[in-house]
PDB file of N, CA and C in Angstrom:
ATOM      1  N   MET A   1      10.239  -3.980 -12.178  1.00  0.00           N
ATOM      2  CA  MET A   1       9.786  -3.135 -11.556  1.00  0.00           C
ATOM      3  C   MET A   1      10.094  -4.520 -10.224  1.00  0.00           C
ATOM      4  N   LYS A   2      10.327  -4.088  -9.311  1.00  0.00           N
ATOM      5  CA  LYS A   2      10.798  -5.470  -8.112  1.00  0.00           C
ATOM      6  C   LYS A   2      10.239  -5.451  -7.019  1.00  0.00           C
ATOM      7  N   GLU A   3       9.158  -3.838  -6.551  1.00  0.00           N
ATOM      8  CA  GLU A   3       8.075  -3.587  -5.857  1.00  0.00           C
ATOM      9  C   GLU A   3       7.375  -4.483  -5.701  1.00  0.00           C
ATOM     10  N   LYS A   4       6.468  -5.101  -4.234  1.00  0.00           N
ATOM     11  CA  LYS A   4       6.164  -6.210  -4.218  1.00  0.00           C
ATOM     12  C   LYS A   4       4.232  -5.505  -4.191  1.00  0.00           C
ATOM     13  N   VAL A   5       3.768  -5.887  -5.093  1.00  0.00           N
ATOM     14  CA  VAL A   5       2.280  -5.458  -4.883  1.00  0.00           C
ATOM     15  C   VAL A   5       1.382  -7.208  -4.449  1.00  0.00           C
ATOM     16  N   ASN A   6       0.648  -6.651  -4.010  1.00  0.00           N
ATOM     17  CA  ASN A   6      -0.591  -7.957  -3.518  1.00  0.00           C
ATOM     18  C   ASN A   6      -1.979  -7.505  -3.934  1.00  0.00           C
ATOM     19  N   PHE A   7      -2.351  -7.889  -5.439  1.00  0.00           N
ATOM     20  CA  PHE A   7      -4.572  -7.094  -5.754  1.00  0.00           C
ATOM     21  C   PHE A   7      -4.851  -7.657  -4.760  1.00  0.00           C
ATOM     22  N   LEU A   8      -6.003  -6.841  -3.964  1.00  0.00           N
ATOM     23  CA  LEU A   8      -6.985  -7.286  -3.607  1.00  0.00           C
ATOM     24  C   LEU A   8      -8.136  -8.312  -4.048  1.00  0.00           C
ATOM     25  N   ASN A   9      -8.753  -8.873  -3.352  1.00  0.00           N
ATOM     26  CA  ASN A   9      -9.943  -8.739  -4.047  1.00  0.00           C
ATOM     27  C   ASN A   9     -10.831  -8.197  -3.292  1.00  0.00           C
ATOM     28  N   SER A  10     -12.669  -8.297  -3.722  1.00  0.00           N
ATOM     29  CA  SER A  10     -13.321  -7.620  -3.466  1.00  0.00           C
ATOM     30  C   SER A  10     -13.529  -7.800  -1.422  1.00  0.00           C
ATOM     31  N   GLU A  11     -13.377  -9.464  -1.532  1.00  0.00           N
ATOM     32  CA  GLU A  11     -13.325  -9.490  -0.100  1.00  0.00           C
ATOM     33  C   GLU A  11     -11.986  -8.938   1.039  1.00  0.00           C
ATOM     34  N   GLU A  12     -11.364  -8.661   0.235  1.00  0.00           N
ATOM     35  CA  GLU A  12     -10.742  -8.251   1.017  1.00  0.00           C
ATOM     36  C   GLU A  12     -10.378  -6.765   1.191  1.00  0.00           C
ATOM     37  N   ILE A  13     -10.741  -6.407   0.042  1.00  0.00           N
ATOM     38  CA  ILE A  13     -11.307  -4.913  -0.159  1.00  0.00           C
ATOM     39  C   ILE A  13     -11.989  -4.419   1.011  1.00  0.00           C
ATOM     40  N   GLU A  14     -13.710  -5.405   0.844  1.00  0.00           N
ATOM     41  CA  GLU A  14     -14.695  -4.756   2.317  1.00  0.00           C
ATOM     42  C   GLU A  14     -14.132  -5.222   3.569  1.00  0.00           C
ATOM     43  N   ALA A  15     -13.290  -5.864   4.305  1.00  0.00           N
ATOM     44  CA  ALA A  15     -12.364  -5.976   5.077  1.00  0.00           C
ATOM     45  C   ALA A  15     -11.401  -5.013   5.403  1.00  0.00           C
ATOM     46  N   LEU A  16     -10.636  -4.661   4.513  1.00  0.00           N
ATOM     47  CA  LEU A  16      -9.905  -3.534   5.071  1.00  0.00           C
ATOM     48  C   LEU A  16     -10.829  -2.115   5.194  1.00  0.00           C
ATOM     49  N   THR A  17     -11.973  -1.887   4.169  1.00  0.00           N
ATOM     50  CA  THR A  17     -12.834  -0.814   4.206  1.00  0.00           C
ATOM     51  C   THR A  17     -13.796  -0.807   5.863  1.00  0.00           C
ATOM     52  N   ASN A  18     -14.126  -1.828   6.503  1.00  0.00           N
ATOM     53  CA  ASN A  18     -15.152  -2.026   7.356  1.00  0.00           C
ATOM     54  C   ASN A  18     -14.008  -1.991   8.688  1.00  0.00           C
ATOM     55  N   GLN A  19     -12.576  -1.836   8.422  1.00  0.00           N
ATOM     56  CA  GLN A  19     -11.550  -1.692   9.424  1.00  0.00           C
ATOM     57  C   GLN A  19     -10.891  -0.072   9.380  1.00  0.00           C
ATOM     58  N   TYR A  20     -10.434   0.424   8.266  1.00  0.00           N
ATOM     59  CA  TYR A  20     -10.108   1.457   8.506  1.00  0.00           C
ATOM     60  C   TYR A  20     -11.160   2.709   7.973  1.00  0.00           C
ATOM     61  N   ASP A  21     -10.063   3.615   7.960  1.00  0.00           N
ATOM     62  CA  ASP A  21     -10.687   5.316   6.968  1.00  0.00           C
ATOM     63  C   ASP A  21      -9.818   5.098   5.699  1.00  0.00           C
ATOM     64  N   VAL A  22     -11.152   5.474   4.790  1.00  0.00           N
ATOM     65  CA  VAL A  22     -10.741   5.440   3.390  1.00  0.00           C
ATOM     66  C   VAL A  22     -10.538   6.923   3.440  1.00  0.00           C
ATOM     67  N   LEU A  23      -9.053   7.372   2.831  1.00  0.00           N
ATOM     68  CA  LEU A  23      -9.187   8.790   2.522  1.00  0.00           C
ATOM     69  C   LEU A  23      -9.452   8.944   0.357  1.00  0.00           C
ATOM     70  N   THR A  24      -9.676   9.960   0.247  1.00  0.00           N
ATOM     71  CA  THR A  24     -10.150  10.689  -1.040  1.00  0.00           C
ATOM     72  C   THR A  24      -9.169  11.185  -1.904  1.00  0.00           C
ATOM     73  N   PHE A  25      -7.955  11.486  -2.600  1.00  0.00           N
ATOM     74  CA  PHE A  25      -7.142  12.485  -2.908  1.00  0.00           C
ATOM     75  C   PHE A  25      -8.074  13.239  -3.945  1.00  0.00           C
ATOM     76  N   GLY A  26      -8.636  14.340  -3.897  1.00  0.00           N
ATOM     77  CA  GLY A  26      -8.572  15.670  -4.834  1.00  0.00           C
ATOM     78  C   GLY A  26      -7.815  15.969  -5.876  1.00  0.00           C
ATOM     79  N   HIS A  27      -6.662  15.624  -5.450  1.00  0.00           N
ATOM     80  CA  HIS A  27      -5.398  16.637  -6.852  1.00  0.00           C
ATOM     81  C   HIS A  27      -4.224  15.401  -6.304  1.00  0.00           C
ATOM     82  N   ASP A  28      -3.591  14.600  -7.498  1.00  0.00           N
ATOM     83  CA  ASP A  28      -2.198  14.443  -7.336  1.00  0.00           C
ATOM     84  C   ASP A  28      -1.671  14.414  -6.244  1.00  0.00           C
ATOM     85  N   PHE A  29      -1.141  13.259  -5.652  1.00  0.00           N
ATOM     86  CA  PHE A  29      -0.136  13.444  -4.215  1.00  0.00           C
ATOM     87  C   PHE A  29       0.551  12.535  -4.075  1.00  0.00           C
ATOM     88  N   ASP A  30       2.052  13.379  -3.850  1.00  0.00           N
ATOM     89  CA  ASP A  30       3.376  11.994  -3.990  1.00  0.00           C
ATOM     90  C   ASP A  30       3.600  12.465  -2.403  1.00  0.00           C
ATOM     91  N   LEU A  31       2.958  10.693  -2.249  1.00  0.00           N
ATOM     92  CA  LEU A  31       3.003   9.441  -0.708  1.00  0.00           C
ATOM     93  C   LEU A  31       3.994   9.175  -0.384  1.00  0.00           C
ATOM     94  N   VAL A  32       4.932   9.042  -0.977  1.00  0.00           N
ATOM     95  CA  VAL A  32       5.900   8.605  -0.794  1.00  0.00           C
ATOM     96  C   VAL A  32       7.066   9.229  -2.092  1.00  0.00           C
ATOM     97  N   TYR A  33       8.101   9.427  -1.647  1.00  0.00           N
ATOM     98  CA  TYR A  33       9.293   9.895  -2.210  1.00  0.00           C
ATOM     99  C   TYR A  33      10.409   8.801  -2.449  1.00  0.00           C
ATOM    100  N   GLU A  34      11.301   8.525  -3.777  1.00  0.00           N
ATOM    101  CA  GLU A  34      12.103   8.089  -4.666  1.00  0.00           C
ATOM    102  C   GLU A  34      13.427   7.696  -3.360  1.00  0.00           C
ATOM    103  N   ASN A  35      13.606   6.907  -2.480  1.00  0.00           N
ATOM    104  CA  ASN A  35      15.021   6.350  -1.684  1.00  0.00           C
ATOM    105  C   ASN A  35      14.544   7.115  -0.306  1.00  0.00           C
ATOM    106  N   GLN A  36      12.936   6.764  -0.138  1.00  0.00           N
ATOM    107  CA  GLN A  36      12.472   7.346   1.306  1.00  0.00           C
ATOM    108  C   GLN A  36      12.227   5.797   1.854  1.00  0.00           C
ATOM    109  N   VAL A  37      12.258   5.461   3.087  1.00  0.00           N
ATOM    110  CA  VAL A  37      11.562   4.757   3.753  1.00  0.00           C
ATOM    111  C   VAL A  37      10.217   4.881   3.666  1.00  0.00           C
ATOM    112  N   PRO A  38       9.003   3.955   3.142  1.00  0.00           N
ATOM    113  CA  PRO A  38       7.614   4.221   3.910  1.00  0.00           C
ATOM    114  C   PRO A  38       7.055   4.325   4.791  1.00  0.00           C
ATOM    115  N   VAL A  39       6.591   4.888   5.416  1.00  0.00           N
ATOM    116  CA  VAL A  39       6.078   5.345   6.653  1.00  0.00           C
ATOM    117  C   VAL A  39       4.645   4.305   7.179  1.00  0.00           C
ATOM    118  N   THR A  40       3.979   3.662   6.039  1.00  0.00           N
ATOM    119  CA  THR A  40       2.669   3.064   5.622  1.00  0.00           C
ATOM    120  C   THR A  40       2.739   2.519   4.544  1.00  0.00           C
ATOM    121  N   GLY A  41       2.196   1.057   5.013  1.00  0.00           N
ATOM    122  CA  GLY A  41       1.453   0.343   4.425  1.00  0.00           C
ATOM    123  C   GLY A  41       0.318   1.357   3.298  1.00  0.00           C
ATOM    124  N   ILE A  42       0.100   1.496   1.831  1.00  0.00           N
ATOM    125  CA  ILE A  42      -0.608   1.486   1.204  1.00  0.00           C
ATOM    126  C   ILE A  42      -1.649   0.463   0.496  1.00  0.00           C
ATOM    127  N   ALA A  43      -3.074   0.703   0.527  1.00  0.00           N
ATOM    128  CA  ALA A  43      -4.241  -0.132   0.207  1.00  0.00           C
ATOM    129  C   ALA A  43      -4.581   0.737  -0.974  1.00  0.00           C
ATOM    130  N   LEU A  44      -5.148   0.267  -2.282  1.00  0.00           N
ATOM    131  CA  LEU A  44      -5.458   0.858  -3.107  1.00  0.00           C
ATOM    132  C   LEU A  44      -6.716   0.394  -3.761  1.00  0.00           C
ATOM    133  N   ILE A  45      -7.323   1.228  -2.931  1.00  0.00           N
ATOM    134  CA  ILE A  45      -9.413   0.624  -3.226  1.00  0.00           C
ATOM    135  C   ILE A  45      -9.700   0.782  -4.058  1.00  0.00           C
ATOM    136  N   GLU A  46      -9.223   2.245  -4.786  1.00  0.00           N
ATOM    137  CA  GLU A  46     -10.203   2.433  -6.432  1.00  0.00           C
ATOM    138  C   GLU A  46      -9.254   3.945  -6.780  1.00  0.00           C
ATOM    139  N   GLY A  47      -8.861   3.895  -8.244  1.00  0.00           N
ATOM    140  CA  GLY A  47      -7.939   4.610  -8.595  1.00  0.00           C
ATOM    141  C   GLY A  47      -6.696   4.167  -9.171  1.00  0.00           C
ATOM    142  N   LYS A  48      -5.290   5.542  -8.982  1.00  0.00           N
ATOM    143  CA  LYS A  48      -4.232   5.223  -9.611  1.00  0.00           C
ATOM    144  C   LYS A  48      -3.492   5.486  -8.893  1.00  0.00           C
ATOM    145  N   ILE A  49      -2.309   4.603  -8.794  1.00  0.00           N
ATOM    146  CA  ILE A  49      -0.910   4.944  -8.534  1.00  0.00           C
ATOM    147  C   ILE A  49       0.242   4.748  -8.623  1.00  0.00           C
ATOM    148  N   GLU A  50       1.092   6.112  -9.410  1.00  0.00           N
ATOM    149  CA  GLU A  50       1.614   5.972 -10.579  1.00  0.00           C
ATOM    150  C   GLU A  50       3.022   5.728  -9.628  1.00  0.00           C
ATOM    151  N   PHE A  51       4.316   5.145 -10.362  1.00  0.00           N
ATOM    152  CA  PHE A  51       5.564   5.131  -9.009  1.00  0.00           C
ATOM    153  C   PHE A  51       6.125   6.353 -10.687  1.00  0.00           C
ATOM    154  N   ILE A  52       7.128   6.740  -9.292  1.00  0.00           N
ATOM    155  CA  ILE A  52       7.984   7.717  -9.965  1.00  0.00           C
ATOM    156  C   ILE A  52       9.286   7.653 -10.187  1.00  0.00           C
ATOM    157  N   LYS A  53      10.474   7.431 -10.504  1.00  0.00           N
ATOM    158  CA  LYS A  53      11.675   7.956 -10.755  1.00  0.00           C
ATOM    159  C   LYS A  53      12.475   8.658 -11.773  1.00  0.00           C
ATOM    160  N   ARG A  54      12.852   9.259 -10.569  1.00  0.00           N
ATOM    161  CA  ARG A  54      13.826  10.672 -11.011  1.00  0.00           C
ATOM    162  C   ARG A  54      12.937  11.973 -11.659  1.00  0.00           C
ATOM    163  N   SER A  55      12.028  12.106 -10.848  1.00  0.00           N
ATOM    164  CA  SER A  55      10.594  12.797 -11.091  1.00  0.00           C
ATOM    165  C   SER A  55       9.582  12.636 -12.427  1.00  0.00           C
ATOM    166  N   LYS A  56       9.746  11.192 -12.888  1.00  0.00           N
ATOM    167  CA  LYS A  56       9.122  10.782 -13.802  1.00  0.00           C
ATOM    168  C   LYS A  56       8.364   9.379 -13.754  1.00  0.00           C
ATOM    169  N   PRO A  57       6.619   9.431 -14.207  1.00  0.00           N
ATOM    170  CA  PRO A  57       6.837   7.937 -14.289  1.00  0.00           C
ATOM    171  C   PRO A  57       6.632   7.460 -14.446  1.00  0.00           C
ATOM    172  N   PHE A  58       6.974   6.019 -14.252  1.00  0.00           N
ATOM    173  CA  PHE A  58       7.273   4.921 -15.410  1.00  0.00           C
ATOM    174  C   PHE A  58       6.876   3.638 -15.169  1.00  0.00           C
ATOM    175  N   PHE A  59       5.485   3.704 -14.192  1.00  0.00           N
ATOM    176  CA  PHE A  59       4.716   3.042 -13.943  1.00  0.00           C
ATOM    177  C   PHE A  59       3.834   3.142 -13.419  1.00  0.00           C
ATOM    178  N   GLN A  60       2.376   2.280 -13.720  1.00  0.00           N
ATOM    179  CA  GLN A  60       1.068   2.607 -13.556  1.00  0.00           C
ATOM    180  C   GLN A  60      -0.055   2.060 -12.944  1.00  0.00           C
ATOM    181  N   ILE A  61      -0.376   1.495 -11.514  1.00  0.00           N
ATOM    182  CA  ILE A  61      -0.810   0.598 -11.243  1.00  0.00           C
ATOM    183  C   ILE A  61      -2.599   1.404 -11.371  1.00  0.00           C
ATOM    184  N   ALA A  62      -3.865   0.659 -11.601  1.00  0.00           N
ATOM    185  CA  ALA A  62      -5.113   1.210 -11.561  1.00  0.00           C
ATOM    186  C   ALA A  62      -5.895  -0.521 -11.246  1.00  0.00           C
ATOM    187  N   GLN A  63      -5.491  -1.158 -10.732  1.00  0.00           N
ATOM    188  CA  GLN A  63      -5.957  -1.673 -10.174  1.00  0.00           C
ATOM    189  C   GLN A  63      -5.591  -2.313  -8.172  1.00  0.00           C
ATOM    190  N   SER A  64      -6.911  -2.444  -7.413  1.00  0.00           N
ATOM    191  CA  SER A  64      -7.086  -2.999  -5.931  1.00  0.00           C
ATOM    192  C   SER A  64      -5.601  -3.506  -6.043  1.00  0.00           C
ATOM    193  N   CYS A  65      -4.645  -2.840  -4.666  1.00  0.00           N
ATOM    194  CA  CYS A  65      -4.271  -3.515  -4.384  1.00  0.00           C
ATOM    195  C   CYS A  65      -2.799  -2.978  -3.163  1.00  0.00           C
ATOM    196  N   LEU A  66      -2.350  -4.021  -2.143  1.00  0.00           N
ATOM    197  CA  LEU A  66      -1.635  -3.562  -1.196  1.00  0.00           C
ATOM    198  C   LEU A  66      -0.476  -3.406  -1.593  1.00  0.00           C
ATOM    199  N   LEU A  67       0.138  -2.227  -1.029  1.00  0.00           N
ATOM    200  CA  LEU A  67       1.991  -2.334  -1.298  1.00  0.00           C
ATOM    201  C   LEU A  67       2.502  -1.696  -0.004  1.00  0.00           C
ATOM    202  N   GLY A  68       3.858  -1.834  -0.525  1.00  0.00           N
ATOM    203  CA  GLY A  68       5.183  -0.760   0.408  1.00  0.00           C
ATOM    204  C   GLY A  68       5.112  -1.393   1.915  1.00  0.00           C
ATOM    205  N   VAL A  69       4.533  -2.609   2.114  1.00  0.00           N
ATOM    206  CA  VAL A  69       4.062  -3.260   3.603  1.00  0.00           C
ATOM    207  C   VAL A  69       5.821  -3.863   3.615  1.00  0.00           C
ATOM    208  N   GLU A  70       5.926  -4.435   2.953  1.00  0.00           N
ATOM    209  CA  GLU A  70       7.425  -5.553   2.857  1.00  0.00           C
ATOM    210  C   GLU A  70       8.473  -4.103   3.146  1.00  0.00           C
ATOM    211  N   ASP A  71       8.670  -3.092   2.507  1.00  0.00           N
ATOM    212  CA  ASP A  71      10.158  -1.832   2.512  1.00  0.00           C
ATOM    213  C   ASP A  71       9.702  -1.822   4.181  1.00  0.00           C
ATOM    214  N   LEU A  72       8.289  -0.991   4.312  1.00  0.00           N
ATOM    215  CA  LEU A  72       8.397  -0.780   5.667  1.00  0.00           C
ATOM    216  C   LEU A  72       8.429  -0.974   6.366  1.00  0.00           C
ATOM    217  N   MET A  73       8.186  -2.589   6.836  1.00  0.00           N
ATOM    218  CA  MET A  73       8.340  -3.639   8.115  1.00  0.00           C
ATOM    219  C   MET A  73      10.059  -4.183   7.909  1.00  0.00           C
ATOM    220  N   ARG A  74      10.929  -3.887   6.967  1.00  0.00           N
ATOM    221  CA  ARG A  74      12.446  -4.459   6.735  1.00  0.00           C
ATOM    222  C   ARG A  74      12.787  -2.530   7.011  1.00  0.00           C
ATOM    223  N   GLY A  75      12.388  -1.974   6.296  1.00  0.00           N
ATOM    224  CA  GLY A  75      13.085  -0.470   6.854  1.00  0.00           C
ATOM    225  C   GLY A  75      13.835  -0.067   5.739  1.00  0.00           C
ATOM    226  N   THR A  76      13.099  -0.802   4.978  1.00  0.00           N
ATOM    227  CA  THR A  76      14.237   0.085   3.387  1.00  0.00           C
ATOM    228  C   THR A  76      14.007   0.789   2.252  1.00  0.00           C
ATOM    229  N   PRO A  77      14.217   1.389   1.987  1.00  0.00           N
ATOM    230  CA  PRO A  77      13.852   2.748   0.813  1.00  0.00           C
ATOM    231  C   PRO A  77      13.410   2.149  -0.302  1.00  0.00           C
ATOM    232  N   LEU A  78      12.243   3.456  -1.090  1.00  0.00           N
ATOM    233  CA  LEU A  78      12.004   2.711  -2.018  1.00  0.00           C
ATOM    234  C   LEU A  78      12.672   3.004  -3.154  1.00  0.00           C
ATOM    235  N   LYS A  79      12.624   2.431  -4.172  1.00  0.00           N
ATOM    236  CA  LYS A  79      13.931   2.480  -5.404  1.00  0.00           C
ATOM    237  C   LYS A  79      13.040   3.788  -5.802  1.00  0.00           C
ATOM    238  N   HIS A  80      11.727   3.465  -5.995  1.00  0.00           N
ATOM    239  CA  HIS A  80      11.236   4.789  -6.670  1.00  0.00           C
ATOM    240  C   HIS A  80      10.017   5.371  -5.315  1.00  0.00           C
ATOM    241  N   GLY A  81       9.439   6.933  -6.117  1.00  0.00           N
ATOM    242  CA  GLY A  81       7.903   6.868  -5.373  1.00  0.00           C
ATOM    243  C   GLY A  81       7.182   6.607  -5.887  1.00  0.00           C
ATOM    244  N   CYS A  82       5.890   7.478  -4.992  1.00  0.00           N
ATOM    245  CA  CYS A  82       4.690   6.649  -5.335  1.00  0.00           C
ATOM    246  C   CYS A  82       3.871   7.824  -5.150  1.00  0.00           C
ATOM    247  N   ARG A  83       3.146   8.217  -5.974  1.00  0.00           N
ATOM    248  CA  ARG A  83       2.010   9.590  -6.226  1.00  0.00           C
ATOM    249  C   ARG A  83       0.726   8.653  -6.587  1.00  0.00           C
ATOM    250  N   ILE A  84      -0.102   9.087  -5.891  1.00  0.00           N
ATOM    251  CA  ILE A  84      -1.664   9.055  -5.849  1.00  0.00           C
ATOM    252  C   ILE A  84      -1.445   9.692  -6.462  1.00  0.00           C
ATOM    253  N   LYS A  85      -2.850   9.490  -7.561  1.00  0.00           N
ATOM    254  CA  LYS A  85      -3.779  10.017  -8.677  1.00  0.00           C
ATOM    255  C   LYS A  85      -4.757  11.025  -8.068  1.00  0.00           C
ATOM    256  N   GLU A  86      -5.309  11.933  -9.043  1.00  0.00           N
ATOM    257  CA  GLU A  86      -6.635  12.512  -8.587  1.00  0.00           C
ATOM    258  C   GLU A  86      -7.934  11.427  -8.352  1.00  0.00           C
ATOM    259  N   ASN A  87      -8.425  12.193  -7.596  1.00  0.00           N
ATOM    260  CA  ASN A  87      -9.908  11.220  -7.596  1.00  0.00           C
ATOM    261  C   ASN A  87      -9.822   9.792  -6.666  1.00  0.00           C
ATOM    262  N   SER A  88      -8.329   9.407  -6.640  1.00  0.00           N
ATOM    263  CA  SER A  88      -8.255   8.159  -5.889  1.00  0.00           C
ATOM    264  C   SER A  88      -8.715   7.899  -3.988  1.00  0.00           C
ATOM    265  N   LYS A  89      -8.845   6.200  -3.970  1.00  0.00           N
ATOM    266  CA  LYS A  89      -8.927   6.466  -3.008  1.00  0.00           C
ATOM    267  C   LYS A  89      -8.746   5.350  -1.800  1.00  0.00           C
ATOM    268  N   ILE A  90      -7.551   5.110  -0.863  1.00  0.00           N
ATOM    269  CA  ILE A  90      -6.434   5.049  -0.672  1.00  0.00           C
ATOM    270  C   ILE A  90      -7.183   4.697   0.933  1.00  0.00           C
ATOM    271  N   ILE A  91      -6.232   3.749   1.824  1.00  0.00           N
ATOM    272  CA  ILE A  91      -6.120   3.213   3.331  1.00  0.00           C
ATOM    273  C   ILE A  91      -4.928   2.920   3.214  1.00  0.00           C
ATOM    274  N   LEU A  92      -4.293   3.807   4.569  1.00  0.00           N
ATOM    275  CA  LEU A  92      -2.859   4.105   4.839  1.00  0.00           C
ATOM    276  C   LEU A  92      -3.060   3.527   6.190  1.00  0.00           C
ATOM    277  N   ILE A  93      -1.848   2.380   6.296  1.00  0.00           N
ATOM    278  CA  ILE A  93      -1.716   0.666   7.358  1.00  0.00           C
ATOM    279  C   ILE A  93      -0.436   1.010   7.912  1.00  0.00           C
ATOM    280  N   GLY A  94      -0.813   1.182   8.874  1.00  0.00           N
ATOM    281  CA  GLY A  94       0.699   1.068  10.126  1.00  0.00           C
ATOM    282  C   GLY A  94       0.719   0.371   9.700  1.00  0.00           C
ATOM    283  N   LYS A  95       2.694   0.812  10.493  1.00  0.00           N
ATOM    284  CA  LYS A  95       3.397  -0.605  10.843  1.00  0.00           C
ATOM    285  C   LYS A  95       3.088  -1.194  12.862  1.00  0.00           C
ATOM    286  N   SER A  96       2.410  -0.305  13.370  1.00  0.00           N
ATOM    287  CA  SER A  96       2.143  -1.830  14.420  1.00  0.00           C
ATOM    288  C   SER A  96      -0.158  -2.152  14.328  1.00  0.00           C
ATOM    289  N   GLU A  97      -0.429  -1.517  13.515  1.00  0.00           N
ATOM    290  CA  GLU A  97      -1.942  -2.234  12.551  1.00  0.00           C
ATOM    291  C   GLU A  97      -0.884  -3.662  11.927  1.00  0.00           C
ATOM    292  N   ILE A  98      -0.047  -3.435  11.157  1.00  0.00           N
ATOM    293  CA  ILE A  98       0.317  -4.732  10.039  1.00  0.00           C
ATOM    294  C   ILE A  98       1.025  -5.455  11.375  1.00  0.00           C
ATOM    295  N   LEU A  99       1.439  -4.882  12.258  1.00  0.00           N
ATOM    296  CA  LEU A  99       2.202  -6.166  12.928  1.00  0.00           C
ATOM    297  C   LEU A  99       0.669  -6.867  14.055  1.00  0.00           C
ATOM    298  N   ALA A 100       0.159  -6.455  14.789  1.00  0.00           N
ATOM    299  CA  ALA A 100      -1.598  -6.663  14.763  1.00  0.00           C
ATOM    300  C   ALA A 100      -2.186  -7.626  14.203  1.00  0.00           C
ATOM    301  N   LEU A 101      -2.353  -7.453  12.586  1.00  0.00           N
ATOM    302  CA  LEU A 101      -2.648  -8.392  11.733  1.00  0.00           C
ATOM    303  C   LEU A 101      -1.785  -9.445  11.607  1.00  0.00           C
ATOM    304  N   LEU A 102      -0.846  -9.267  11.603  1.00  0.00           N
ATOM    305  CA  LEU A 102      -0.036 -10.577  11.818  1.00  0.00           C
ATOM    306  C   LEU A 102       0.232 -11.563  13.292  1.00  0.00           C
ATOM    307  N   LYS A 103      -0.685 -11.117  13.781  1.00  0.00           N
ATOM    308  CA  LYS A 103      -0.390 -12.051  15.275  1.00  0.00           C
ATOM    309  C   LYS A 103      -1.951 -12.502  14.949  1.00  0.00           C
ATOM    310  N   ASN A 104      -2.919 -11.766  14.770  1.00  0.00           N
ATOM    311  CA  ASN A 104      -4.239 -12.087  14.997  1.00  0.00           C
ATOM    312  C   ASN A 104      -4.253 -12.980  13.424  1.00  0.00           C
ATOM    313  N   GLN A 105      -4.690 -13.970  13.350  1.00  0.00           N
ATOM    314  CA  GLN A 105      -4.696 -15.323  12.516  1.00  0.00           C
ATOM    315  C   GLN A 105      -5.797 -15.360  11.499  1.00  0.00           C
ATOM    316  N   LYS A 106      -7.291 -15.127  12.529  1.00  0.00           N
ATOM    317  CA  LYS A 106      -8.310 -14.879  12.306  1.00  0.00           C
ATOM    318  C   LYS A 106      -9.004 -13.803  11.370  1.00  0.00           C
ATOM    319  N   SER A 107      -8.000 -12.725  11.216  1.00  0.00           N
ATOM    320  CA  SER A 107      -8.306 -11.674  10.390  1.00  0.00           C
ATOM    321  C   SER A 107      -8.615 -12.041   8.806  1.00  0.00           C
ATOM    322  N   LYS A 108      -9.208 -11.495   8.567  1.00  0.00           N
ATOM    323  CA  LYS A 108      -9.891 -12.000   7.139  1.00  0.00           C
ATOM    324  C   LYS A 108      -8.813 -11.032   6.707  1.00  0.00           C
ATOM    325  N   LEU A 109      -8.153 -10.081   7.288  1.00  0.00           N
ATOM    326  CA  LEU A 109      -6.325  -9.430   6.425  1.00  0.00           C
ATOM    327  C   LEU A 109      -5.101 -10.058   6.236  1.00  0.00           C
ATOM    328  N   PHE A 110      -5.135 -11.211   8.110  1.00  0.00           N
ATOM    329  CA  PHE A 110      -4.024 -11.936   7.936  1.00  0.00           C
ATOM    330  C   PHE A 110      -3.203 -12.545   7.008  1.00  0.00           C
ATOM    331  N   ASN A 111      -3.800 -12.926   5.943  1.00  0.00           N
ATOM    332  CA  ASN A 111      -3.345 -13.885   4.803  1.00  0.00           C
ATOM    333  C   ASN A 111      -2.668 -12.490   3.706  1.00  0.00           C
ATOM    334  N   LEU A 112      -3.337 -11.326   3.901  1.00  0.00           N
ATOM    335  CA  LEU A 112      -2.758 -10.339   2.461  1.00  0.00           C
ATOM    336  C   LEU A 112      -2.248  -9.864   2.894  1.00  0.00           C
ATOM    337  N   VAL A 113      -1.259  -9.721   4.259  1.00  0.00           N
ATOM    338  CA  VAL A 113      -0.805  -8.984   5.222  1.00  0.00           C
ATOM    339  C   VAL A 113       0.676 -10.022   5.620  1.00  0.00           C
ATOM    340  N   LYS A 114       0.590 -11.263   5.207  1.00  0.00           N
ATOM    341  CA  LYS A 114       0.955 -12.382   5.778  1.00  0.00           C
ATOM    342  C   LYS A 114       1.696 -12.874   4.048  1.00  0.00           C
ATOM    343  N   GLY A 115       1.404 -12.180   3.388  1.00  0.00           N
ATOM    344  CA  GLY A 115       1.238 -13.034   1.181  1.00  0.00           C
ATOM    345  C   GLY A 115       2.616 -11.852   1.325  1.00  0.00           C
ATOM    346  N   SER A 116       2.876 -10.059   2.160  1.00  0.00           N
ATOM    347  CA  SER A 116       3.898  -9.725   1.641  1.00  0.00           C
ATOM    348  C   SER A 116       5.118  -9.973   2.022  1.00  0.00           C
ATOM    349  N   LYS A 117       4.983 -11.494   2.585  1.00  0.00           N
ATOM    350  CA  LYS A 117       7.078 -12.249   2.622  1.00  0.00           C
ATOM    351  C   LYS A 117       7.354 -11.104   4.025  1.00  0.00           C
ATOM    352  N   ILE A 118       6.713 -10.816   5.152  1.00  0.00           N
ATOM    353  CA  ILE A 118       7.287 -10.472   6.595  1.00  0.00           C
ATOM    354  C   ILE A 118       7.650 -11.316   6.931  1.00  0.00           C
ATOM    355  N   ASP A 119       9.135 -11.280   7.720  1.00  0.00           N
ATOM    356  CA  ASP A 119       9.547 -12.304   8.972  1.00  0.00           C
ATOM    357  C   ASP A 119       9.019 -11.418   9.672  1.00  0.00           C
ATOM    358  N   GLY A 120       8.172 -10.575  10.320  1.00  0.00           N
ATOM    359  CA  GLY A 120       7.459  -9.858  11.628  1.00  0.00           C
ATOM    360  C   GLY A 120       8.110  -9.385  12.333  1.00  0.00           C
TER     361      GLY A 120
END
């Protein structure tokens, strides 16, 4: 798996939940499809995300993390889909919000977003 995943510590989770709305999914939901360019970064706050290839799950993350940011910023399609599992909590972070975080080096989230190896 080549997906860039940044695992979140409790301080980063708190900063994200203080700044953005948390979405809870009552059922499984395909958020990004295979070969699609993501339209947001995904912060998994609680729950699970499955990676899907050829309509079948092949990897699961059950730890708080940020993913999809590098592909979003570069405009590159994912080689797999992302399925949010039932009762999971996520935050969606758009490209303009990521750019704003990169400009604010004093933000608690700057290092998290910068850690996604984005060239801005």
